[in-house]
Amino acid sequence: MYRTIMIIGIIVLAVGWAAYGIYCLIMNHIEKKRPKVRSEKFQQAQSSMKEYAEKLAKFEKKRYDKKE
Protein backbone atom coordinates (compact mmCIF):
# COMPACT_ATOMS: atom_id res chain seq x y z
CA MET A 1 0.00 0.00 0.00
CA TYR A 2 2.75 2.42 0.97
CA ARG A 3 4.74 1.59 -2.16
CA THR A 4 1.77 2.32 -4.46
CA ILE A 5 1.08 5.65 -2.77
CA MET A 6 4.75 6.62 -3.09
CA ILE A 7 4.93 5.60 -6.76
CA ILE A 8 1.73 7.52 -7.58
CA GLY A 9 3.02 10.53 -5.64
CA ILE A 10 6.36 10.50 -7.48
CA ILE A 11 4.57 10.23 -10.84
CA VAL A 12 2.25 13.12 -9.98
CA LEU A 13 5.23 15.18 -8.84
CA ALA A 14 7.16 14.43 -12.05
CA VAL A 15 4.17 15.35 -14.21
CA GLY A 16 3.74 18.57 -12.22
CA TRP A 17 7.39 19.56 -12.70
CA ALA A 18 7.18 18.75 -16.41
CA ALA A 19 4.06 20.91 -16.77
CA TYR A 20 5.78 23.74 -14.87
CA GLY A 21 8.83 23.50 -17.15
CA ILE A 22 6.70 23.63 -20.27
CA TYR A 23 4.77 26.60 -18.86
CA CYS A 24 8.05 28.47 -18.18
CA LEU A 25 9.31 27.77 -21.69
CA ILE A 26 6.08 29.04 -23.24
CA MET A 27 6.13 32.20 -21.08
CA ASN A 28 9.77 32.88 -22.02
CA HIS A 29 8.92 32.46 -25.70
CA ILE A 30 5.98 34.87 -25.40
CA GLU A 31 8.10 37.36 -23.44
CA LYS A 32 10.81 37.36 -26.14
CA LYS A 33 8.22 38.19 -28.81
CA ARG A 34 6.98 41.31 -26.99
CA PRO A 35 8.27 44.65 -28.22
CA LYS A 36 10.78 46.33 -25.97
CA VAL A 37 9.13 49.75 -26.05
CA ARG A 38 9.26 51.56 -22.76
CA SER A 39 6.40 53.72 -21.64
CA GLU A 40 6.72 57.42 -20.86
CA LYS A 41 5.94 56.80 -17.21
CA PHE A 42 8.78 54.29 -16.97
CA GLN A 43 11.21 56.67 -18.68
CA GLN A 44 10.22 59.52 -16.34
CA ALA A 45 10.71 57.32 -13.29
CA GLN A 46 14.08 56.13 -14.58
CA SER A 47 15.31 59.67 -15.27
CA SER A 48 14.16 60.90 -11.87
CA MET A 49 16.02 58.03 -10.20
CA LYS A 50 19.18 58.92 -12.16
CA GLU A 51 18.89 62.55 -11.04
CA TYR A 52 18.39 61.44 -7.44
CA ALA A 53 21.43 59.15 -7.62
CA GLU A 54 23.55 62.02 -8.98
CA LYS A 55 22.40 64.27 -6.13
CA LEU A 56 23.28 61.58 -3.61
CA ALA A 57 26.72 61.15 -5.14
CA LYS A 58 27.41 64.88 -4.74
CA PHE A 59 25.97 65.08 -1.23
CA GLU A 60 28.35 65.89 1.60
CA LYS A 61 27.20 65.58 5.16
CA LYS A 62 27.47 68.76 7.18
CA ARG A 63 29.79 68.52 10.11
CA TYR A 64 28.72 70.02 13.38
CA ASP A 65 31.39 70.88 15.92
CA LYS A 66 30.56 70.52 19.57
CA LYS A 67 30.88 73.58 21.72
CA GLU A 68 33.08 72.88 24.66
C-alpha atoms as a PDB file:
ATOM      1  CA  MET A   1       0.000   0.000   0.000  1.00  0.00           C
ATOM      2  CA  TYR A   2       2.750   2.424   0.972  1.00  0.00           C
ATOM      3  CA  ARG A   3       4.739   1.587  -2.159  1.00  0.00           C
ATOM      4  CA  THR A   4       1.768   2.323  -4.461  1.00  0.00           C
ATOM      5  CA  ILE A   5       1.083   5.649  -2.767  1.00  0.00           C
ATOM      6  CA  MET A   6       4.752   6.624  -3.091  1.00  0.00           C
ATOM      7  CA  ILE A   7       4.925   5.596  -6.762  1.00  0.00           C
ATOM      8  CA  ILE A   8       1.732   7.516  -7.581  1.00  0.00           C
ATOM      9  CA  GLY A   9       3.020  10.526  -5.637  1.00  0.00           C
ATOM     10  CA  ILE A  10       6.357  10.498  -7.483  1.00  0.00           C
ATOM     11  CA  ILE A  11       4.566  10.226 -10.841  1.00  0.00           C
ATOM     12  CA  VAL A  12       2.252  13.121  -9.976  1.00  0.00           C
ATOM     13  CA  LEU A  13       5.231  15.182  -8.839  1.00  0.00           C
ATOM     14  CA  ALA A  14       7.158  14.435 -12.046  1.00  0.00           C
ATOM     15  CA  VAL A  15       4.171  15.354 -14.214  1.00  0.00           C
ATOM     16  CA  GLY A  16       3.739  18.572 -12.221  1.00  0.00           C
ATOM     17  CA  TRP A  17       7.390  19.558 -12.700  1.00  0.00           C
ATOM     18  CA  ALA A  18       7.185  18.754 -16.408  1.00  0.00           C
ATOM     19  CA  ALA A  19       4.060  20.906 -16.771  1.00  0.00           C
ATOM     20  CA  TYR A  20       5.782  23.743 -14.874  1.00  0.00           C
ATOM     21  CA  GLY A  21       8.829  23.503 -17.148  1.00  0.00           C
ATOM     22  CA  ILE A  22       6.700  23.627 -20.275  1.00  0.00           C
ATOM     23  CA  TYR A  23       4.770  26.603 -18.865  1.00  0.00           C
ATOM     24  CA  CYS A  24       8.050  28.470 -18.176  1.00  0.00           C
ATOM     25  CA  LEU A  25       9.312  27.774 -21.694  1.00  0.00           C
ATOM     26  CA  ILE A  26       6.078  29.044 -23.239  1.00  0.00           C
ATOM     27  CA  MET A  27       6.135  32.203 -21.078  1.00  0.00           C
ATOM     28  CA  ASN A  28       9.771  32.882 -22.016  1.00  0.00           C
ATOM     29  CA  HIS A  29       8.923  32.456 -25.696  1.00  0.00           C
ATOM     30  CA  ILE A  30       5.982  34.870 -25.403  1.00  0.00           C
ATOM     31  CA  GLU A  31       8.099  37.361 -23.444  1.00  0.00           C
ATOM     32  CA  LYS A  32      10.807  37.359 -26.141  1.00  0.00           C
ATOM     33  CA  LYS A  33       8.217  38.187 -28.807  1.00  0.00           C
ATOM     34  CA  ARG A  34       6.982  41.309 -26.985  1.00  0.00           C
ATOM     35  CA  PRO A  35       8.270  44.650 -28.225  1.00  0.00           C
ATOM     36  CA  LYS A  36      10.784  46.328 -25.965  1.00  0.00           C
ATOM     37  CA  VAL A  37       9.126  49.748 -26.051  1.00  0.00           C
ATOM     38  CA  ARG A  38       9.258  51.556 -22.761  1.00  0.00           C
ATOM     39  CA  SER A  39       6.404  53.719 -21.643  1.00  0.00           C
ATOM     40  CA  GLU A  40       6.720  57.421 -20.864  1.00  0.00           C
ATOM     41  CA  LYS A  41       5.937  56.803 -17.213  1.00  0.00           C
ATOM     42  CA  PHE A  42       8.782  54.292 -16.968  1.00  0.00           C
ATOM     43  CA  GLN A  43      11.212  56.670 -18.677  1.00  0.00           C
ATOM     44  CA  GLN A  44      10.222  59.515 -16.338  1.00  0.00           C
ATOM     45  CA  ALA A  45      10.712  57.324 -13.291  1.00  0.00           C
ATOM     46  CA  GLN A  46      14.078  56.133 -14.577  1.00  0.00           C
ATOM     47  CA  SER A  47      15.308  59.668 -15.274  1.00  0.00           C
ATOM     48  CA  SER A  48      14.165  60.903 -11.869  1.00  0.00           C
ATOM     49  CA  MET A  49      16.022  58.032 -10.199  1.00  0.00           C
ATOM     50  CA  LYS A  50      19.178  58.918 -12.163  1.00  0.00           C
ATOM     51  CA  GLU A  51      18.894  62.549 -11.041  1.00  0.00           C
ATOM     52  CA  TYR A  52      18.390  61.437  -7.439  1.00  0.00           C
ATOM     53  CA  ALA A  53      21.430  59.152  -7.618  1.00  0.00           C
ATOM     54  CA  GLU A  54      23.546  62.018  -8.983  1.00  0.00           C
ATOM     55  CA  LYS A  55      22.397  64.268  -6.131  1.00  0.00           C
ATOM     56  CA  LEU A  56      23.280  61.577  -3.607  1.00  0.00           C
ATOM     57  CA  ALA A  57      26.718  61.150  -5.144  1.00  0.00           C
ATOM     58  CA  LYS A  58      27.411  64.878  -4.743  1.00  0.00           C
ATOM     59  CA  PHE A  59      25.968  65.079  -1.230  1.00  0.00           C
ATOM     60  CA  GLU A  60      28.349  65.889   1.601  1.00  0.00           C
ATOM     61  CA  LYS A  61      27.203  65.575   5.158  1.00  0.00           C
ATOM     62  CA  LYS A  62      27.473  68.762   7.184  1.00  0.00           C
ATOM     63  CA  ARG A  63      29.790  68.522  10.106  1.00  0.00           C
ATOM     64  CA  TYR A  64      28.717  70.022  13.376  1.00  0.00           C
ATOM     65  CA  ASP A  65      31.390  70.875  15.922  1.00  0.00           C
ATOM     66  CA  LYS A  66      30.563  70.520  19.574  1.00  0.00           C
ATOM     67  CA  LYS A  67      30.883  73.584  21.724  1.00  0.00           C
ATOM     68  CA  GLU A  68      33.084  72.881  24.662  1.00  0.00           C
END
